[in-house]
Amino acid sequence: MKADIHPNYHMIKVVMTNGEEFFTRSTYGTEGATLNLDIDPNTHPAWTGGSQQLLDRGGRLSRFNTRFAGLSLGAKK
């Protein structure tokens, strides 16, 4: 293996949005650095299953629905 090509892993403190802290090994910063998260699994909708709304901007959804209303691909009998 080539020398000096691997990243320097060290212990850092990660602070989540609710104040919860944990230590992990990372290449971020230097030994003992603190990483404050703005988005984490406790708050982000991707992890929490937050509600999503389908917005009809500029009538695109309405145009799509009228254009393909008669198309019955995979329709149940």
N, C-alpha and C. Protein backbone atom coordinates (compact mmCIF):
# COMPACT_ATOMS: atom_id res chain seq x y z
N MET A 1 0.83 -1.19 0.00
CA MET A 1 0.00 0.00 0.00
C MET A 1 0.86 1.24 0.00
N LYS A 2 0.31 2.29 -0.59
CA LYS A 2 1.02 3.55 -0.59
C LYS A 2 0.94 4.20 0.79
N ALA A 3 2.02 4.85 1.16
CA ALA A 3 2.06 5.53 2.47
C ALA A 3 1.40 6.91 2.38
N ASP A 4 0.81 7.34 3.45
CA ASP A 4 0.24 8.69 3.60
C ASP A 4 -0.89 9.02 2.63
N ILE A 5 -1.69 8.02 2.23
CA ILE A 5 -2.83 8.33 1.38
C ILE A 5 -4.16 8.14 2.12
N HIS A 6 -4.11 7.57 3.30
CA HIS A 6 -5.32 7.31 4.05
C HIS A 6 -5.68 8.52 4.92
N PRO A 7 -6.97 8.81 5.07
CA PRO A 7 -7.37 9.96 5.89
C PRO A 7 -7.05 9.73 7.36
N ASN A 8 -6.91 10.83 8.07
CA ASN A 8 -6.61 10.80 9.49
C ASN A 8 -7.92 10.74 10.27
N TYR A 9 -8.27 9.56 10.80
CA TYR A 9 -9.48 9.41 11.60
C TYR A 9 -9.16 9.76 13.04
N HIS A 10 -10.07 10.48 13.67
CA HIS A 10 -9.91 10.86 15.07
C HIS A 10 -11.30 11.00 15.70
N MET A 11 -11.35 11.15 17.00
CA MET A 11 -12.62 11.26 17.71
C MET A 11 -13.12 12.70 17.68
N ILE A 12 -14.43 12.86 17.34
CA ILE A 12 -15.07 14.18 17.39
C ILE A 12 -16.38 14.04 18.15
N LYS A 13 -16.91 15.17 18.60
CA LYS A 13 -18.20 15.19 19.27
C LYS A 13 -19.25 15.71 18.29
N VAL A 14 -20.37 14.99 18.16
CA VAL A 14 -21.46 15.40 17.29
C VAL A 14 -22.62 15.85 18.18
N VAL A 15 -23.12 17.08 17.94
CA VAL A 15 -24.23 17.62 18.70
C VAL A 15 -25.43 17.72 17.78
N MET A 16 -26.52 16.99 18.13
CA MET A 16 -27.71 16.98 17.31
C MET A 16 -28.56 18.22 17.62
N THR A 17 -29.63 18.45 16.84
CA THR A 17 -30.43 19.66 17.00
C THR A 17 -31.13 19.74 18.34
N ASN A 18 -31.41 18.60 18.98
CA ASN A 18 -32.09 18.63 20.28
C ASN A 18 -31.11 18.69 21.45
N GLY A 19 -29.81 18.83 21.17
CA GLY A 19 -28.80 18.93 22.22
C GLY A 19 -28.15 17.61 22.57
N GLU A 20 -28.66 16.51 22.06
CA GLU A 20 -28.07 15.20 22.31
C GLU A 20 -26.68 15.15 21.71
N GLU A 21 -25.73 14.55 22.43
CA GLU A 21 -24.34 14.49 21.99
C GLU A 21 -23.87 13.04 21.93
N PHE A 22 -22.97 12.78 21.00
CA PHE A 22 -22.30 11.49 20.97
C PHE A 22 -20.94 11.67 20.33
N PHE A 23 -20.05 10.72 20.58
CA PHE A 23 -18.70 10.75 20.03
C PHE A 23 -18.59 9.71 18.94
N THR A 24 -17.85 10.06 17.89
CA THR A 24 -17.63 9.13 16.79
C THR A 24 -16.27 9.42 16.16
N ARG A 25 -15.81 8.47 15.36
CA ARG A 25 -14.56 8.68 14.63
C ARG A 25 -14.89 9.30 13.28
N SER A 26 -14.10 10.28 12.86
CA SER A 26 -14.39 10.99 11.62
C SER A 26 -13.11 11.62 11.08
N THR A 27 -13.19 12.09 9.84
CA THR A 27 -12.09 12.87 9.25
C THR A 27 -12.37 14.36 9.37
N TYR A 28 -13.53 14.74 9.96
CA TYR A 28 -13.92 16.14 10.11
C TYR A 28 -13.02 16.84 11.11
N GLY A 29 -12.53 18.02 10.76
CA GLY A 29 -11.78 18.85 11.69
C GLY A 29 -10.55 18.18 12.27
N THR A 30 -10.33 18.46 13.56
CA THR A 30 -9.18 17.90 14.26
C THR A 30 -9.67 17.10 15.46
N GLU A 31 -8.77 16.46 16.14
CA GLU A 31 -9.11 15.66 17.33
C GLU A 31 -9.86 16.53 18.34
N GLY A 32 -11.04 16.06 18.77
CA GLY A 32 -11.83 16.78 19.77
C GLY A 32 -12.73 17.87 19.21
N ALA A 33 -12.81 18.01 17.89
CA ALA A 33 -13.66 19.04 17.28
C ALA A 33 -15.13 18.72 17.54
N THR A 34 -15.99 19.75 17.45
CA THR A 34 -17.42 19.58 17.65
C THR A 34 -18.15 19.87 16.34
N LEU A 35 -19.00 18.93 15.93
CA LEU A 35 -19.80 19.08 14.73
C LEU A 35 -21.25 19.30 15.16
N ASN A 36 -21.78 20.51 14.92
CA ASN A 36 -23.16 20.83 15.26
C ASN A 36 -24.03 20.60 14.03
N LEU A 37 -25.00 19.69 14.16
CA LEU A 37 -25.86 19.36 13.04
C LEU A 37 -27.03 20.32 12.94
N ASP A 38 -27.36 20.76 11.72
CA ASP A 38 -28.53 21.58 11.47
C ASP A 38 -29.71 20.70 11.12
N ILE A 39 -29.44 19.56 10.51
CA ILE A 39 -30.46 18.59 10.11
C ILE A 39 -30.02 17.24 10.65
N ASP A 40 -30.92 16.55 11.34
CA ASP A 40 -30.60 15.23 11.84
C ASP A 40 -31.82 14.33 11.78
N PRO A 41 -31.66 13.05 12.06
CA PRO A 41 -32.79 12.11 11.95
C PRO A 41 -33.95 12.41 12.89
N ASN A 42 -33.74 13.24 13.92
CA ASN A 42 -34.83 13.57 14.83
C ASN A 42 -35.78 14.62 14.26
N THR A 43 -35.31 15.42 13.30
CA THR A 43 -36.12 16.53 12.83
C THR A 43 -36.43 16.52 11.34
N HIS A 44 -35.64 15.85 10.53
CA HIS A 44 -35.81 15.92 9.08
C HIS A 44 -36.96 15.03 8.62
N PRO A 45 -37.84 15.53 7.75
CA PRO A 45 -38.99 14.75 7.29
C PRO A 45 -38.62 13.45 6.57
N ALA A 46 -37.44 13.36 6.01
CA ALA A 46 -37.05 12.13 5.34
C ALA A 46 -36.98 10.97 6.33
N TRP A 47 -36.62 11.25 7.58
CA TRP A 47 -36.53 10.21 8.60
C TRP A 47 -37.78 10.14 9.46
N THR A 48 -38.47 11.26 9.65
CA THR A 48 -39.61 11.29 10.56
C THR A 48 -40.92 10.96 9.87
N GLY A 49 -40.93 10.89 8.53
CA GLY A 49 -42.16 10.59 7.81
C GLY A 49 -43.10 11.78 7.78
N GLY A 50 -42.54 12.98 7.71
CA GLY A 50 -43.36 14.18 7.69
C GLY A 50 -44.31 14.23 6.51
N SER A 51 -45.34 15.01 6.65
CA SER A 51 -46.36 15.07 5.60
C SER A 51 -45.84 15.83 4.39
N GLN A 52 -46.25 15.36 3.23
CA GLN A 52 -45.89 16.02 1.99
C GLN A 52 -47.17 16.41 1.27
N GLN A 53 -47.14 17.52 0.58
CA GLN A 53 -48.30 17.96 -0.17
C GLN A 53 -47.92 18.07 -1.63
N LEU A 54 -48.82 17.64 -2.50
CA LEU A 54 -48.60 17.75 -3.92
C LEU A 54 -49.19 19.08 -4.37
N LEU A 55 -48.33 19.99 -4.77
CA LEU A 55 -48.78 21.32 -5.15
C LEU A 55 -48.95 21.40 -6.66
N ASP A 56 -50.01 22.07 -7.07
CA ASP A 56 -50.28 22.26 -8.50
C ASP A 56 -49.83 23.67 -8.86
N ARG A 57 -48.60 23.78 -9.31
CA ARG A 57 -48.05 25.08 -9.65
C ARG A 57 -48.19 25.31 -11.14
N GLY A 58 -48.85 26.35 -11.51
CA GLY A 58 -49.00 26.72 -12.91
C GLY A 58 -49.91 25.78 -13.67
N GLY A 59 -50.73 24.98 -12.99
CA GLY A 59 -51.66 24.10 -13.66
C GLY A 59 -51.04 22.88 -14.28
N ARG A 60 -49.79 22.57 -13.97
CA ARG A 60 -49.13 21.42 -14.58
C ARG A 60 -49.81 20.11 -14.21
N LEU A 61 -50.18 19.98 -12.95
CA LEU A 61 -50.84 18.76 -12.53
C LEU A 61 -52.22 18.63 -13.17
N SER A 62 -52.93 19.72 -13.27
CA SER A 62 -54.25 19.69 -13.92
C SER A 62 -54.12 19.33 -15.39
N ARG A 63 -53.14 19.90 -16.08
CA ARG A 63 -52.93 19.57 -17.49
C ARG A 63 -52.58 18.10 -17.66
N PHE A 64 -51.74 17.58 -16.78
CA PHE A 64 -51.36 16.17 -16.85
C PHE A 64 -52.58 15.29 -16.68
N ASN A 65 -53.38 15.60 -15.65
CA ASN A 65 -54.57 14.78 -15.38
C ASN A 65 -55.55 14.81 -16.54
N THR A 66 -55.78 15.96 -17.18
CA THR A 66 -56.72 16.02 -18.30
C THR A 66 -56.14 15.34 -19.54
N ARG A 67 -54.85 15.46 -19.73
CA ARG A 67 -54.21 14.88 -20.91
C ARG A 67 -54.25 13.36 -20.87
N PHE A 68 -54.03 12.79 -19.69
CA PHE A 68 -53.94 11.34 -19.57
C PHE A 68 -55.13 10.73 -18.84
N ALA A 69 -56.24 11.42 -18.76
CA ALA A 69 -57.41 10.92 -18.04
C ALA A 69 -57.98 9.66 -18.70
N GLY A 70 -57.99 9.59 -20.02
CA GLY A 70 -58.56 8.44 -20.72
C GLY A 70 -57.64 7.25 -20.80
N LEU A 71 -56.40 7.41 -20.42
CA LEU A 71 -55.42 6.33 -20.49
C LEU A 71 -55.61 5.38 -19.32
N SER A 72 -55.81 4.12 -19.59
CA SER A 72 -56.08 3.17 -18.51
C SER A 72 -55.01 2.08 -18.47
N LEU A 73 -53.78 2.47 -18.19
CA LEU A 73 -52.70 1.50 -18.08
C LEU A 73 -52.77 0.83 -16.72
N GLY A 74 -52.87 -0.46 -16.73
CA GLY A 74 -52.89 -1.21 -15.48
C GLY A 74 -54.12 -0.98 -14.65
N ALA A 75 -55.21 -0.54 -15.27
CA ALA A 75 -56.43 -0.28 -14.52
C ALA A 75 -57.03 -1.60 -14.03
N LYS A 76 -57.56 -1.58 -12.83
CA LYS A 76 -58.20 -2.76 -12.27
C LYS A 76 -59.54 -2.99 -12.96
N LYS A 77 -59.85 -4.25 -13.20
CA LYS A 77 -61.11 -4.60 -13.85
C LYS A 77 -62.20 -4.83 -12.85
